């Protein structure tokens, strides 16, 4: 008498489970799939709504507003998602991010992270 082979214990089954699980894990930790490459030009167009506070190139013009220029895309993506889902709150940003799609967020992150920012240390005291 032979034992039945359970599909759940075969290499093929493990490969299928892994193939199905990887996109879920990537989504949880905030990686965008390669097929959804971000578009910095689309992000620049979408960023027009950000200019009142963050300036036309992501350098803040409003008090107590962070600079977005040069920030890492993962940081920008996570913060915008947190504003959108309500896990991070701010009276203006919670409203601004509410309607953003994942594509909008990726594009905004691509735009702001593509801006080059140069830091300069202050002159030494005399």
PDB file of N, CA and C in Angstrom:
ATOM      1  N   UNK A   1       0.839  -1.151   0.000  1.00  0.00           N
ATOM      2  CA  UNK A   1       0.000   0.000   0.000  1.00  0.00           C
ATOM      3  C   UNK A   1       0.901   1.237   0.000  1.00  0.00           C
ATOM      4  N   UNK A   2       0.542   2.234  -0.789  1.00  0.00           N
ATOM      5  CA  UNK A   2       1.356   3.446  -0.859  1.00  0.00           C
ATOM      6  C   UNK A   2       0.669   4.592  -0.123  1.00  0.00           C
ATOM      7  N   UNK A   3       1.493   5.505   0.352  1.00  0.00           N
ATOM      8  CA  UNK A   3       0.934   6.679   1.033  1.00  0.00           C
ATOM      9  C   UNK A   3       0.596   7.730  -0.023  1.00  0.00           C
ATOM     10  N   UNK A   4      -0.523   8.401   0.154  1.00  0.00           N
ATOM     11  CA  UNK A   4      -0.851   9.455  -0.809  1.00  0.00           C
ATOM     12  C   UNK A   4       0.132  10.626  -0.649  1.00  0.00           C
ATOM     13  N   UNK A   5       0.442  11.232  -1.743  1.00  0.00           N
ATOM     14  CA  UNK A   5       1.329  12.398  -1.713  1.00  0.00           C
ATOM     15  C   UNK A   5       0.461  13.616  -1.464  1.00  0.00           C
ATOM     16  N   UNK A   6       0.818  14.338  -0.443  1.00  0.00           N
ATOM     17  CA  UNK A   6       0.087  15.558  -0.137  1.00  0.00           C
ATOM     18  C   UNK A   6       0.755  16.717  -0.858  1.00  0.00           C
ATOM     19  N   UNK A   7      -0.016  17.429  -1.640  1.00  0.00           N
ATOM     20  CA  UNK A   7       0.504  18.548  -2.416  1.00  0.00           C
ATOM     21  C   UNK A   7       1.156  19.596  -1.521  1.00  0.00           C
ATOM     22  N   UNK A   8       0.682  19.728  -0.302  1.00  0.00           N
ATOM     23  CA  UNK A   8       1.214  20.758   0.596  1.00  0.00           C
ATOM     24  C   UNK A   8       2.645  20.494   1.012  1.00  0.00           C
ATOM     25  N   UNK A   9       3.169  19.330   0.765  1.00  0.00           N
ATOM     26  CA  UNK A   9       4.528  19.011   1.189  1.00  0.00           C
ATOM     27  C   UNK A   9       5.503  18.886   0.018  1.00  0.00           C
ATOM     28  N   UNK A  10       5.067  19.183  -1.169  1.00  0.00           N
ATOM     29  CA  UNK A  10       5.965  19.053  -2.316  1.00  0.00           C
ATOM     30  C   UNK A  10       6.704  20.355  -2.569  1.00  0.00           C
ATOM     31  N   UNK A  11       7.787  20.247  -3.281  1.00  0.00           N
ATOM     32  CA  UNK A  11       8.543  21.448  -3.645  1.00  0.00           C
ATOM     33  C   UNK A  11       7.700  22.393  -4.482  1.00  0.00           C
ATOM     34  N   UNK A  12       6.923  21.837  -5.373  1.00  0.00           N
ATOM     35  CA  UNK A  12       6.078  22.676  -6.227  1.00  0.00           C
ATOM     36  C   UNK A  12       5.086  23.475  -5.385  1.00  0.00           C
ATOM     37  N   UNK A  13       4.525  22.845  -4.383  1.00  0.00           N
ATOM     38  CA  UNK A  13       3.561  23.532  -3.521  1.00  0.00           C
ATOM     39  C   UNK A  13       4.243  24.648  -2.747  1.00  0.00           C
ATOM     40  N   UNK A  14       5.437  24.374  -2.236  1.00  0.00           N
ATOM     41  CA  UNK A  14       6.171  25.419  -1.512  1.00  0.00           C
ATOM     42  C   UNK A  14       6.500  26.584  -2.441  1.00  0.00           C
ATOM     43  N   UNK A  15       6.893  26.276  -3.669  1.00  0.00           N
ATOM     44  CA  UNK A  15       7.211  27.330  -4.628  1.00  0.00           C
ATOM     45  C   UNK A  15       5.976  28.173  -4.947  1.00  0.00           C
ATOM     46  N   UNK A  16       4.833  27.510  -5.103  1.00  0.00           N
ATOM     47  CA  UNK A  16       3.585  28.238  -5.376  1.00  0.00           C
ATOM     48  C   UNK A  16       3.226  29.124  -4.191  1.00  0.00           C
ATOM     49  N   UNK A  17       3.327  28.585  -2.967  1.00  0.00           N
ATOM     50  CA  UNK A  17       3.016  29.396  -1.779  1.00  0.00           C
ATOM     51  C   UNK A  17       3.956  30.580  -1.674  1.00  0.00           C
ATOM     52  N   UNK A  18       5.240  30.369  -1.939  1.00  0.00           N
ATOM     53  CA  UNK A  18       6.222  31.449  -1.871  1.00  0.00           C
ATOM     54  C   UNK A  18       5.915  32.497  -2.940  1.00  0.00           C
ATOM     55  N   UNK A  19       5.582  32.053  -4.139  1.00  0.00           N
ATOM     56  CA  UNK A  19       5.253  32.964  -5.233  1.00  0.00           C
ATOM     57  C   UNK A  19       4.030  33.820  -4.879  1.00  0.00           C
ATOM     58  N   UNK A  20       3.081  33.254  -4.181  1.00  0.00           N
ATOM     59  CA  UNK A  20       1.884  33.994  -3.779  1.00  0.00           C
ATOM     60  C   UNK A  20       2.145  34.883  -2.571  1.00  0.00           C
ATOM     61  N   UNK A  21       3.065  34.492  -1.720  1.00  0.00           N
ATOM     62  CA  UNK A  21       3.334  35.227  -0.493  1.00  0.00           C
ATOM     63  C   UNK A  21       4.247  36.435  -0.698  1.00  0.00           C
ATOM     64  N   UNK A  22       5.188  36.362  -1.628  1.00  0.00           N
ATOM     65  CA  UNK A  22       6.148  37.450  -1.826  1.00  0.00           C
ATOM     66  C   UNK A  22       5.504  38.803  -2.127  1.00  0.00           C
ATOM     67  N   UNK A  23       4.525  38.886  -3.039  1.00  0.00           N
ATOM     68  CA  UNK A  23       3.906  40.204  -3.269  1.00  0.00           C
ATOM     69  C   UNK A  23       3.218  40.756  -2.018  1.00  0.00           C
ATOM     70  N   UNK A  24       2.635  39.891  -1.221  1.00  0.00           N
ATOM     71  CA  UNK A  24       1.988  40.329   0.013  1.00  0.00           C
ATOM     72  C   UNK A  24       3.021  40.906   0.980  1.00  0.00           C
ATOM     73  N   UNK A  25       4.121  40.206   1.170  1.00  0.00           N
ATOM     74  CA  UNK A  25       5.177  40.672   2.068  1.00  0.00           C
ATOM     75  C   UNK A  25       5.763  41.980   1.540  1.00  0.00           C
ATOM     76  N   UNK A  26       6.004  42.064   0.247  1.00  0.00           N
ATOM     77  CA  UNK A  26       6.550  43.290  -0.336  1.00  0.00           C
ATOM     78  C   UNK A  26       5.604  44.459  -0.116  1.00  0.00           C
ATOM     79  N   UNK A  27       4.309  44.231  -0.237  1.00  0.00           N
ATOM     80  CA  UNK A  27       3.332  45.288  -0.001  1.00  0.00           C
ATOM     81  C   UNK A  27       3.301  45.739   1.439  1.00  0.00           C
ATOM     82  N   UNK A  28       3.461  44.810   2.357  1.00  0.00           N
ATOM     83  CA  UNK A  28       3.432  45.142   3.781  1.00  0.00           C
ATOM     84  C   UNK A  28       4.628  45.998   4.160  1.00  0.00           C
ATOM     85  N   UNK A  29       5.799  45.697   3.633  1.00  0.00           N
ATOM     86  CA  UNK A  29       6.983  46.454   4.030  1.00  0.00           C
ATOM     87  C   UNK A  29       7.238  47.665   3.137  1.00  0.00           C
ATOM     88  N   UNK A  30       6.371  47.901   2.166  1.00  0.00           N
ATOM     89  CA  UNK A  30       6.414  49.152   1.428  1.00  0.00           C
ATOM     90  C   UNK A  30       7.207  49.170   0.137  1.00  0.00           C
ATOM     91  N   UNK A  31       7.515  48.024  -0.437  1.00  0.00           N
ATOM     92  CA  UNK A  31       8.204  48.018  -1.714  1.00  0.00           C
ATOM     93  C   UNK A  31       7.180  48.029  -2.829  1.00  0.00           C
ATOM     94  N   UNK A  32       7.373  48.883  -3.806  1.00  0.00           N
ATOM     95  CA  UNK A  32       6.493  48.900  -4.968  1.00  0.00           C
ATOM     96  C   UNK A  32       6.988  47.852  -5.960  1.00  0.00           C
ATOM     97  N   UNK A  33       6.078  47.119  -6.600  1.00  0.00           N
ATOM     98  CA  UNK A  33       6.510  46.143  -7.591  1.00  0.00           C
ATOM     99  C   UNK A  33       7.238  46.821  -8.746  1.00  0.00           C
ATOM    100  N   UNK A  34       8.191  46.135  -9.319  1.00  0.00           N
ATOM    101  CA  UNK A  34       8.980  46.699 -10.412  1.00  0.00           C
ATOM    102  C   UNK A  34       8.099  47.070 -11.597  1.00  0.00           C
ATOM    103  N   UNK A  35       6.983  46.375 -11.796  1.00  0.00           N
ATOM    104  CA  UNK A  35       6.097  46.655 -12.912  1.00  0.00           C
ATOM    105  C   UNK A  35       5.446  48.026 -12.771  1.00  0.00           C
ATOM    106  N   UNK A  36       5.430  48.575 -11.578  1.00  0.00           N
ATOM    107  CA  UNK A  36       4.829  49.878 -11.347  1.00  0.00           C
ATOM    108  C   UNK A  36       5.929  50.915 -11.114  1.00  0.00           C
ATOM    109  N   UNK A  37       6.791  51.067 -12.106  1.00  0.00           N
ATOM    110  CA  UNK A  37       7.881  52.025 -11.967  1.00  0.00           C
ATOM    111  C   UNK A  37       7.302  53.417 -11.780  1.00  0.00           C
ATOM    112  N   UNK A  38       7.848  54.151 -10.831  1.00  0.00           N
ATOM    113  CA  UNK A  38       7.358  55.490 -10.538  1.00  0.00           C
ATOM    114  C   UNK A  38       7.763  56.463 -11.636  1.00  0.00           C
ATOM    115  N   UNK A  39       6.945  57.475 -11.833  1.00  0.00           N
ATOM    116  CA  UNK A  39       7.136  58.469 -12.878  1.00  0.00           C
ATOM    117  C   UNK A  39       7.341  59.835 -12.228  1.00  0.00           C
ATOM    118  N   UNK A  40       8.594  60.298 -12.200  1.00  0.00           N
ATOM    119  CA  UNK A  40       8.910  61.574 -11.554  1.00  0.00           C
ATOM    120  C   UNK A  40       8.201  62.744 -12.235  1.00  0.00           C
ATOM    121  N   UNK A  41       8.046  62.689 -13.559  1.00  0.00           N
ATOM    122  CA  UNK A  41       7.357  63.783 -14.271  1.00  0.00           C
ATOM    123  C   UNK A  41       5.892  63.847 -13.849  1.00  0.00           C
ATOM    124  N   UNK A  42       5.246  62.696 -13.730  1.00  0.00           N
ATOM    125  CA  UNK A  42       3.855  62.668 -13.246  1.00  0.00           C
ATOM    126  C   UNK A  42       3.798  63.150 -11.803  1.00  0.00           C
ATOM    127  N   UNK A  43       4.822  62.804 -11.018  1.00  0.00           N
ATOM    128  CA  UNK A  43       4.893  63.264  -9.636  1.00  0.00           C
ATOM    129  C   UNK A  43       5.039  64.770  -9.561  1.00  0.00           C
ATOM    130  N   UNK A  44       5.824  65.349 -10.467  1.00  0.00           N
ATOM    131  CA  UNK A  44       5.990  66.796 -10.486  1.00  0.00           C
ATOM    132  C   UNK A  44       4.658  67.477 -10.792  1.00  0.00           C
ATOM    133  N   UNK A  45       3.899  66.936 -11.727  1.00  0.00           N
ATOM    134  CA  UNK A  45       2.591  67.506 -12.050  1.00  0.00           C
ATOM    135  C   UNK A  45       1.646  67.389 -10.858  1.00  0.00           C
ATOM    136  N   UNK A  46       1.640  66.237 -10.210  1.00  0.00           N
ATOM    137  CA  UNK A  46       0.771  66.019  -9.052  1.00  0.00           C
ATOM    138  C   UNK A  46       1.190  66.905  -7.882  1.00  0.00           C
ATOM    139  N   UNK A  47       2.472  67.223  -7.792  1.00  0.00           N
ATOM    140  CA  UNK A  47       3.004  68.003  -6.674  1.00  0.00           C
ATOM    141  C   UNK A  47       2.556  69.463  -6.693  1.00  0.00           C
ATOM    142  N   UNK A  48       1.857  69.877  -7.726  1.00  0.00           N
ATOM    143  CA  UNK A  48       1.369  71.259  -7.753  1.00  0.00           C
ATOM    144  C   UNK A  48       0.514  71.554  -6.528  1.00  0.00           C
ATOM    145  N   UNK A  49      -0.201  70.555  -6.044  1.00  0.00           N
ATOM    146  CA  UNK A  49      -1.046  70.743  -4.858  1.00  0.00           C
ATOM    147  C   UNK A  49      -0.217  70.876  -3.578  1.00  0.00           C
ATOM    148  N   UNK A  50       1.072  70.571  -3.646  1.00  0.00           N
ATOM    149  CA  UNK A  50       1.953  70.609  -2.477  1.00  0.00           C
ATOM    150  C   UNK A  50       2.699  71.930  -2.341  1.00  0.00           C
ATOM    151  N   UNK A  51       2.699  72.742  -3.404  1.00  0.00           N
ATOM    152  CA  UNK A  51       3.585  73.900  -3.459  1.00  0.00           C
ATOM    153  C   UNK A  51       3.265  74.989  -2.445  1.00  0.00           C
ATOM    154  N   UNK A  52       2.017  75.109  -2.031  1.00  0.00           N
ATOM    155  CA  UNK A  52       1.654  76.167  -1.091  1.00  0.00           C
ATOM    156  C   UNK A  52       2.468  76.054   0.192  1.00  0.00           C
ATOM    157  N   UNK A  53       2.657  74.849   0.679  1.00  0.00           N
ATOM    158  CA  UNK A  53       3.406  74.636   1.923  1.00  0.00           C
ATOM    159  C   UNK A  53       4.842  74.190   1.682  1.00  0.00           C
ATOM    160  N   UNK A  54       5.041  73.292   0.712  1.00  0.00           N
ATOM    161  CA  UNK A  54       6.346  72.661   0.512  1.00  0.00           C
ATOM    162  C   UNK A  54       7.176  73.317  -0.587  1.00  0.00           C
ATOM    163  N   UNK A  55       6.647  74.346  -1.232  1.00  0.00           N
ATOM    164  CA  UNK A  55       7.374  75.043  -2.286  1.00  0.00           C
ATOM    165  C   UNK A  55       7.386  74.275  -3.593  1.00  0.00           C
ATOM    166  N   UNK A  56       7.733  74.951  -4.692  1.00  0.00           N
ATOM    167  CA  UNK A  56       7.681  74.320  -6.019  1.00  0.00           C
ATOM    168  C   UNK A  56       8.695  73.195  -6.220  1.00  0.00           C
ATOM    169  N   UNK A  57       9.775  73.198  -5.444  1.00  0.00           N
ATOM    170  CA  UNK A  57      10.752  72.102  -5.568  1.00  0.00           C
ATOM    171  C   UNK A  57      10.955  71.381  -4.237  1.00  0.00           C
ATOM    172  N   UNK A  58       9.956  71.416  -3.387  1.00  0.00           N
ATOM    173  CA  UNK A  58      10.027  70.645  -2.152  1.00  0.00           C
ATOM    174  C   UNK A  58      10.804  71.279  -1.026  1.00  0.00           C
ATOM    175  N   UNK A  59      11.159  72.546  -1.166  1.00  0.00           N
ATOM    176  CA  UNK A  59      11.815  73.283  -0.091  1.00  0.00           C
ATOM    177  C   UNK A  59      10.740  74.131   0.580  1.00  0.00           C
ATOM    178  N   UNK A  60      10.439  73.801   1.811  1.00  0.00           N
ATOM    179  CA  UNK A  60       9.285  74.370   2.515  1.00  0.00           C
ATOM    180  C   UNK A  60       9.291  75.891   2.530  1.00  0.00           C
ATOM    181  N   UNK A  61       8.093  76.452   2.335  1.00  0.00           N
ATOM    182  CA  UNK A  61       7.903  77.890   2.408  1.00  0.00           C
ATOM    183  C   UNK A  61       6.998  78.270   3.574  1.00  0.00           C
ATOM    184  N   UNK A  62       6.303  77.301   4.126  1.00  0.00           N
ATOM    185  CA  UNK A  62       5.423  77.551   5.271  1.00  0.00           C
ATOM    186  C   UNK A  62       6.157  77.193   6.562  1.00  0.00           C
ATOM    187  N   UNK A  63       5.861  77.922   7.638  1.00  0.00           N
ATOM    188  CA  UNK A  63       6.522  77.609   8.916  1.00  0.00           C
ATOM    189  C   UNK A  63       6.175  76.204   9.395  1.00  0.00           C
ATOM    190  N   UNK A  64       7.135  75.584  10.053  1.00  0.00           N
ATOM    191  CA  UNK A  64       6.972  74.237  10.622  1.00  0.00           C
ATOM    192  C   UNK A  64       6.540  73.192   9.598  1.00  0.00           C
ATOM    193  N   UNK A  65       6.984  73.387   8.366  1.00  0.00           N
ATOM    194  CA  UNK A  65       6.693  72.451   7.276  1.00  0.00           C
ATOM    195  C   UNK A  65       8.004  71.825   6.837  1.00  0.00           C
ATOM    196  N   UNK A  66       8.056  70.503   6.702  1.00  0.00           N
ATOM    197  CA  UNK A  66       9.327  69.863   6.333  1.00  0.00           C
ATOM    198  C   UNK A  66       9.671  70.034   4.857  1.00  0.00           C
ATOM    199  N   UNK A  67      10.947  70.031   4.579  1.00  0.00           N
ATOM    200  CA  UNK A  67      11.418  69.977   3.196  1.00  0.00           C
ATOM    201  C   UNK A  67      11.214  68.557   2.692  1.00  0.00           C
ATOM    202  N   UNK A  68      10.732  68.431   1.478  1.00  0.00           N
ATOM    203  CA  UNK A  68      10.530  67.112   0.874  1.00  0.00           C
ATOM    204  C   UNK A  68      11.626  66.793  -0.142  1.00  0.00           C
ATOM    205  N   UNK A  69      12.260  67.810  -0.669  1.00  0.00           N
ATOM    206  CA  UNK A  69      13.301  67.626  -1.679  1.00  0.00           C
ATOM    207  C   UNK A  69      14.424  66.750  -1.139  1.00  0.00           C
ATOM    208  N   UNK A  70      14.800  65.757  -1.947  1.00  0.00           N
ATOM    209  CA  UNK A  70      15.926  64.911  -1.601  1.00  0.00           C
ATOM    210  C   UNK A  70      15.639  63.832  -0.561  1.00  0.00           C
ATOM    211  N   UNK A  71      14.433  63.765  -0.060  1.00  0.00           N
ATOM    212  CA  UNK A  71      14.104  62.715   0.912  1.00  0.00           C
ATOM    213  C   UNK A  71      14.084  61.355   0.203  1.00  0.00           C
ATOM    214  N   UNK A  72      14.432  60.276   0.896  1.00  0.00           N
ATOM    215  CA  UNK A  72      14.396  58.943   0.274  1.00  0.00           C
ATOM    216  C   UNK A  72      12.962  58.574  -0.133  1.00  0.00           C
ATOM    217  N   UNK A  73      12.812  57.918  -1.286  1.00  0.00           N
ATOM    218  CA  UNK A  73      11.468  57.575  -1.752  1.00  0.00           C
ATOM    219  C   UNK A  73      10.696  56.678  -0.783  1.00  0.00           C
ATOM    220  N   UNK A  74      11.376  55.756  -0.119  1.00  0.00           N
ATOM    221  CA  UNK A  74      10.689  54.881   0.837  1.00  0.00           C
ATOM    222  C   UNK A  74      10.105  55.657   1.999  1.00  0.00           C
ATOM    223  N   UNK A  75      10.840  56.642   2.486  1.00  0.00           N
ATOM    224  CA  UNK A  75      10.352  57.482   3.584  1.00  0.00           C
ATOM    225  C   UNK A  75       9.118  58.263   3.141  1.00  0.00           C
ATOM    226  N   UNK A  76       9.205  58.912   1.983  1.00  0.00           N
ATOM    227  CA  UNK A  76       8.077  59.692   1.480  1.00  0.00           C
ATOM    228  C   UNK A  76       6.850  58.812   1.259  1.00  0.00           C
ATOM    229  N   UNK A  77       7.073  57.654   0.666  1.00  0.00           N
ATOM    230  CA  UNK A  77       5.972  56.720   0.406  1.00  0.00           C
ATOM    231  C   UNK A  77       5.300  56.303   1.705  1.00  0.00           C
ATOM    232  N   UNK A  78       6.085  55.907   2.674  1.00  0.00           N
ATOM    233  CA  UNK A  78       5.503  55.461   3.950  1.00  0.00           C
ATOM    234  C   UNK A  78       4.746  56.575   4.650  1.00  0.00           C
ATOM    235  N   UNK A  79       5.296  57.777   4.670  1.00  0.00           N
ATOM    236  CA  UNK A  79       4.612  58.875   5.363  1.00  0.00           C
ATOM    237  C   UNK A  79       3.299  59.221   4.686  1.00  0.00           C
ATOM    238  N   UNK A  80       3.295  59.290   3.356  1.00  0.00           N
ATOM    239  CA  UNK A  80       2.047  59.599   2.644  1.00  0.00           C
ATOM    240  C   UNK A  80       1.007  58.504   2.846  1.00  0.00           C
ATOM    241  N   UNK A  81       1.428  57.255   2.851  1.00  0.00           N
ATOM    242  CA  UNK A  81       0.481  56.156   3.114  1.00  0.00           C
ATOM    243  C   UNK A  81      -0.077  56.253   4.530  1.00  0.00           C
ATOM    244  N   UNK A  82       0.766  56.616   5.486  1.00  0.00           N
ATOM    245  CA  UNK A  82       0.296  56.737   6.871  1.00  0.00           C
ATOM    246  C   UNK A  82      -0.687  57.891   7.030  1.00  0.00           C
ATOM    247  N   UNK A  83      -0.439  58.999   6.344  1.00  0.00           N
ATOM    248  CA  UNK A  83      -1.424  60.088   6.361  1.00  0.00           C
ATOM    249  C   UNK A  83      -2.728  59.621   5.720  1.00  0.00           C
ATOM    250  N   UNK A  84      -2.615  58.920   4.598  1.00  0.00           N
ATOM    251  CA  UNK A  84      -3.809  58.469   3.874  1.00  0.00           C
ATOM    252  C   UNK A  84      -4.651  57.498   4.700  1.00  0.00           C
ATOM    253  N   UNK A  85      -3.994  56.551   5.380  1.00  0.00           N
ATOM    254  CA  UNK A  85      -4.770  55.558   6.137  1.00  0.00           C
ATOM    255  C   UNK A  85      -5.124  56.011   7.546  1.00  0.00           C
ATOM    256  N   UNK A  86      -4.642  57.198   7.944  1.00  0.00           N
ATOM    257  CA  UNK A  86      -5.006  57.749   9.244  1.00  0.00           C
ATOM    258  C   UNK A  86      -4.107  57.337  10.392  1.00  0.00           C
ATOM    259  N   UNK A  87      -3.079  56.521  10.130  1.00  0.00           N
ATOM    260  CA  UNK A  87      -2.195  56.116  11.226  1.00  0.00           C
ATOM    261  C   UNK A  87      -1.233  57.244  11.607  1.00  0.00           C
ATOM    262  N   UNK A  88      -1.069  58.229  10.734  1.00  0.00           N
ATOM    263  CA  UNK A  88      -0.353  59.462  11.075  1.00  0.00           C
ATOM    264  C   UNK A  88      -1.326  60.603  10.819  1.00  0.00           C
ATOM    265  N   UNK A  89      -1.404  61.514  11.749  1.00  0.00           N
ATOM    266  CA  UNK A  89      -2.406  62.567  11.654  1.00  0.00           C
ATOM    267  C   UNK A  89      -1.775  63.954  11.585  1.00  0.00           C
ATOM    268  N   UNK A  90      -2.377  64.770  10.734  1.00  0.00           N
ATOM    269  CA  UNK A  90      -2.034  66.188  10.619  1.00  0.00           C
ATOM    270  C   UNK A  90      -3.242  66.829   9.957  1.00  0.00           C
ATOM    271  N   UNK A  91      -3.664  67.972  10.478  1.00  0.00           N
ATOM    272  CA  UNK A  91      -4.928  68.543  10.006  1.00  0.00           C
ATOM    273  C   UNK A  91      -4.945  68.824   8.509  1.00  0.00           C
ATOM    274  N   UNK A  92      -3.827  69.183   7.911  1.00  0.00           N
ATOM    275  CA  UNK A  92      -3.793  69.436   6.479  1.00  0.00           C
ATOM    276  C   UNK A  92      -3.412  68.180   5.700  1.00  0.00           C
ATOM    277  N   UNK A  93      -2.322  67.532   6.114  1.00  0.00           N
ATOM    278  CA  UNK A  93      -1.824  66.382   5.351  1.00  0.00           C
ATOM    279  C   UNK A  93      -2.801  65.212   5.324  1.00  0.00           C
ATOM    280  N   UNK A  94      -3.551  65.011   6.371  1.00  0.00           N
ATOM    281  CA  UNK A  94      -4.533  63.918   6.379  1.00  0.00           C
ATOM    282  C   UNK A  94      -5.573  64.128   5.284  1.00  0.00           C
ATOM    283  N   UNK A  95      -5.941  65.378   5.046  1.00  0.00           N
ATOM    284  CA  UNK A  95      -6.910  65.689   3.987  1.00  0.00           C
ATOM    285  C   UNK A  95      -6.244  65.584   2.618  1.00  0.00           C
ATOM    286  N   UNK A  96      -5.040  66.136   2.493  1.00  0.00           N
ATOM    287  CA  UNK A  96      -4.340  66.130   1.200  1.00  0.00           C
ATOM    288  C   UNK A  96      -4.048  64.710   0.710  1.00  0.00           C
ATOM    289  N   UNK A  97      -3.689  63.822   1.614  1.00  0.00           N
ATOM    290  CA  UNK A  97      -3.290  62.466   1.223  1.00  0.00           C
ATOM    291  C   UNK A  97      -4.469  61.522   1.042  1.00  0.00           C
ATOM    292  N   UNK A  98      -5.625  61.906   1.551  1.00  0.00           N
ATOM    293  CA  UNK A  98      -6.788  61.004   1.543  1.00  0.00           C
ATOM    294  C   UNK A  98      -7.117  60.455   0.160  1.00  0.00           C
ATOM    295  N   UNK A  99      -7.003  61.280  -0.878  1.00  0.00           N
ATOM    296  CA  UNK A  99      -7.406  60.847  -2.224  1.00  0.00           C
ATOM    297  C   UNK A  99      -6.256  60.319  -3.076  1.00  0.00           C
ATOM    298  N   UNK A 100      -5.049  60.306  -2.530  1.00  0.00           N
ATOM    299  CA  UNK A 100      -3.907  59.829  -3.316  1.00  0.00           C
ATOM    300  C   UNK A 100      -3.983  58.323  -3.541  1.00  0.00           C
ATOM    301  N   UNK A 101      -3.712  57.902  -4.759  1.00  0.00           N
ATOM    302  CA  UNK A 101      -3.618  56.473  -5.067  1.00  0.00           C
ATOM    303  C   UNK A 101      -2.189  56.010  -4.780  1.00  0.00           C
ATOM    304  N   UNK A 102      -1.967  54.706  -4.789  1.00  0.00           N
ATOM    305  CA  UNK A 102      -0.605  54.190  -4.616  1.00  0.00           C
ATOM    306  C   UNK A 102       0.310  54.710  -5.731  1.00  0.00           C
ATOM    307  N   UNK A 103      -0.228  54.824  -6.937  1.00  0.00           N
ATOM    308  CA  UNK A 103       0.558  55.344  -8.058  1.00  0.00           C
ATOM    309  C   UNK A 103       0.909  56.806  -7.836  1.00  0.00           C
ATOM    310  N   UNK A 104      -0.066  57.609  -7.374  1.00  0.00           N
ATOM    311  CA  UNK A 104       0.213  59.014  -7.060  1.00  0.00           C
ATOM    312  C   UNK A 104       1.339  59.122  -6.036  1.00  0.00           C
ATOM    313  N   UNK A 105       1.250  58.317  -5.002  1.00  0.00           N
ATOM    314  CA  UNK A 105       2.251  58.356  -3.927  1.00  0.00           C
ATOM    315  C   UNK A 105       3.627  57.973  -4.457  1.00  0.00           C
ATOM    316  N   UNK A 106       3.701  56.920  -5.263  1.00  0.00           N
ATOM    317  CA  UNK A 106       4.984  56.502  -5.844  1.00  0.00           C
ATOM    318  C   UNK A 106       5.553  57.597  -6.740  1.00  0.00           C
ATOM    319  N   UNK A 107       4.693  58.236  -7.516  1.00  0.00           N
ATOM    320  CA  UNK A 107       5.154  59.296  -8.412  1.00  0.00           C
ATOM    321  C   UNK A 107       5.624  60.521  -7.634  1.00  0.00           C
ATOM    322  N   UNK A 108       4.890  60.910  -6.599  1.00  0.00           N
ATOM    323  CA  UNK A 108       5.320  62.027  -5.758  1.00  0.00           C
ATOM    324  C   UNK A 108       6.663  61.720  -5.102  1.00  0.00           C
ATOM    325  N   UNK A 109       6.820  60.510  -4.609  1.00  0.00           N
ATOM    326  CA  UNK A 109       8.082  60.115  -3.983  1.00  0.00           C
ATOM    327  C   UNK A 109       9.216  60.147  -5.002  1.00  0.00           C
ATOM    328  N   UNK A 110       8.940  59.711  -6.227  1.00  0.00           N
ATOM    329  CA  UNK A 110       9.962  59.745  -7.282  1.00  0.00           C
ATOM    330  C   UNK A 110      10.367  61.186  -7.584  1.00  0.00           C
ATOM    331  N   UNK A 111       9.402  62.094  -7.666  1.00  0.00           N
ATOM    332  CA  UNK A 111       9.702  63.489  -7.955  1.00  0.00           C
ATOM    333  C   UNK A 111      10.527  64.121  -6.839  1.00  0.00           C
ATOM    334  N   UNK A 112      10.020  64.077  -5.615  1.00  0.00           N
ATOM    335  CA  UNK A 112      10.717  64.767  -4.534  1.00  0.00           C
ATOM    336  C   UNK A 112      12.086  64.150  -4.246  1.00  0.00           C
ATOM    337  N   UNK A 113      12.215  62.839  -4.385  1.00  0.00           N
ATOM    338  CA  UNK A 113      13.516  62.210  -4.118  1.00  0.00           C
ATOM    339  C   UNK A 113      14.517  62.478  -5.234  1.00  0.00           C
ATOM    340  N   UNK A 114      14.033  62.854  -6.419  1.00  0.00           N
ATOM    341  CA  UNK A 114      14.950  63.128  -7.535  1.00  0.00           C
ATOM    342  C   UNK A 114      15.579  64.517  -7.448  1.00  0.00           C
ATOM    343  N   UNK A 115      15.054  65.365  -6.599  1.00  0.00           N
ATOM    344  CA  UNK A 115      15.582  66.726  -6.460  1.00  0.00           C
ATOM    345  C   UNK A 115      16.883  66.672  -5.665  1.00  0.00           C
ATOM    346  N   UNK A 116      17.918  67.253  -6.215  1.00  0.00           N
ATOM    347  CA  UNK A 116      19.231  67.252  -5.575  1.00  0.00           C
ATOM    348  C   UNK A 116      19.301  68.375  -4.535  1.00  0.00           C
ATOM    349  N   UNK A 117      19.717  68.038  -3.340  1.00  0.00           N
ATOM    350  CA  UNK A 117      19.865  69.007  -2.260  1.00  0.00           C
ATOM    351  C   UNK A 117      21.316  68.980  -1.814  1.00  0.00           C
ATOM    352  N   UNK A 118      21.904  70.139  -1.663  1.00  0.00           N
ATOM    353  CA  UNK A 118      23.285  70.228  -1.228  1.00  0.00           C
ATOM    354  C   UNK A 118      23.324  70.822   0.172  1.00  0.00           C
ATOM    355  N   UNK A 119      24.024  70.173   1.064  1.00  0.00           N
ATOM    356  CA  UNK A 119      24.176  70.674   2.422  1.00  0.00           C
ATOM    357  C   UNK A 119      25.560  71.290   2.578  1.00  0.00           C
ATOM    358  N   UNK A 120      25.632  72.373   3.307  1.00  0.00           N
ATOM    359  CA  UNK A 120      26.904  73.042   3.538  1.00  0.00           C
ATOM    360  C   UNK A 120      27.044  73.308   5.034  1.00  0.00           C
ATOM    361  N   UNK A 121      28.136  72.889   5.585  1.00  0.00           N
ATOM    362  CA  UNK A 121      28.400  73.137   7.012  1.00  0.00           C
ATOM    363  C   UNK A 121      28.633  74.639   7.219  1.00  0.00           C
ATOM    364  N   UNK A 122      28.260  75.149   8.373  1.00  0.00           N
ATOM    365  CA  UNK A 122      28.496  76.576   8.619  1.00  0.00           C
ATOM    366  C   UNK A 122      29.991  76.880   8.700  1.00  0.00           C
ATOM    367  N   UNK A 123      30.325  78.128   8.452  1.00  0.00           N
ATOM    368  CA  UNK A 123      31.712  78.540   8.582  1.00  0.00           C
ATOM    369  C   UNK A 123      32.166  78.367  10.016  1.00  0.00           C
ATOM    370  N   UNK A 124      33.417  78.051  10.190  1.00  0.00           N
ATOM    371  CA  UNK A 124      33.970  77.876  11.541  1.00  0.00           C
ATOM    372  C   UNK A 124      33.926  79.226  12.285  1.00  0.00           C
ATOM    373  N   UNK A 125      33.612  79.182  13.571  1.00  0.00           N
ATOM    374  CA  UNK A 125      33.592  80.448  14.329  1.00  0.00           C
ATOM    375  C   UNK A 125      34.988  81.066  14.373  1.00  0.00           C
ATOM    376  N   UNK A 126      35.010  82.386  14.413  1.00  0.00           N
ATOM    377  CA  UNK A 126      36.301  83.104  14.407  1.00  0.00           C
ATOM    378  C   UNK A 126      36.737  83.456  15.797  1.00  0.00           C
TER     379      UNK A 126
END
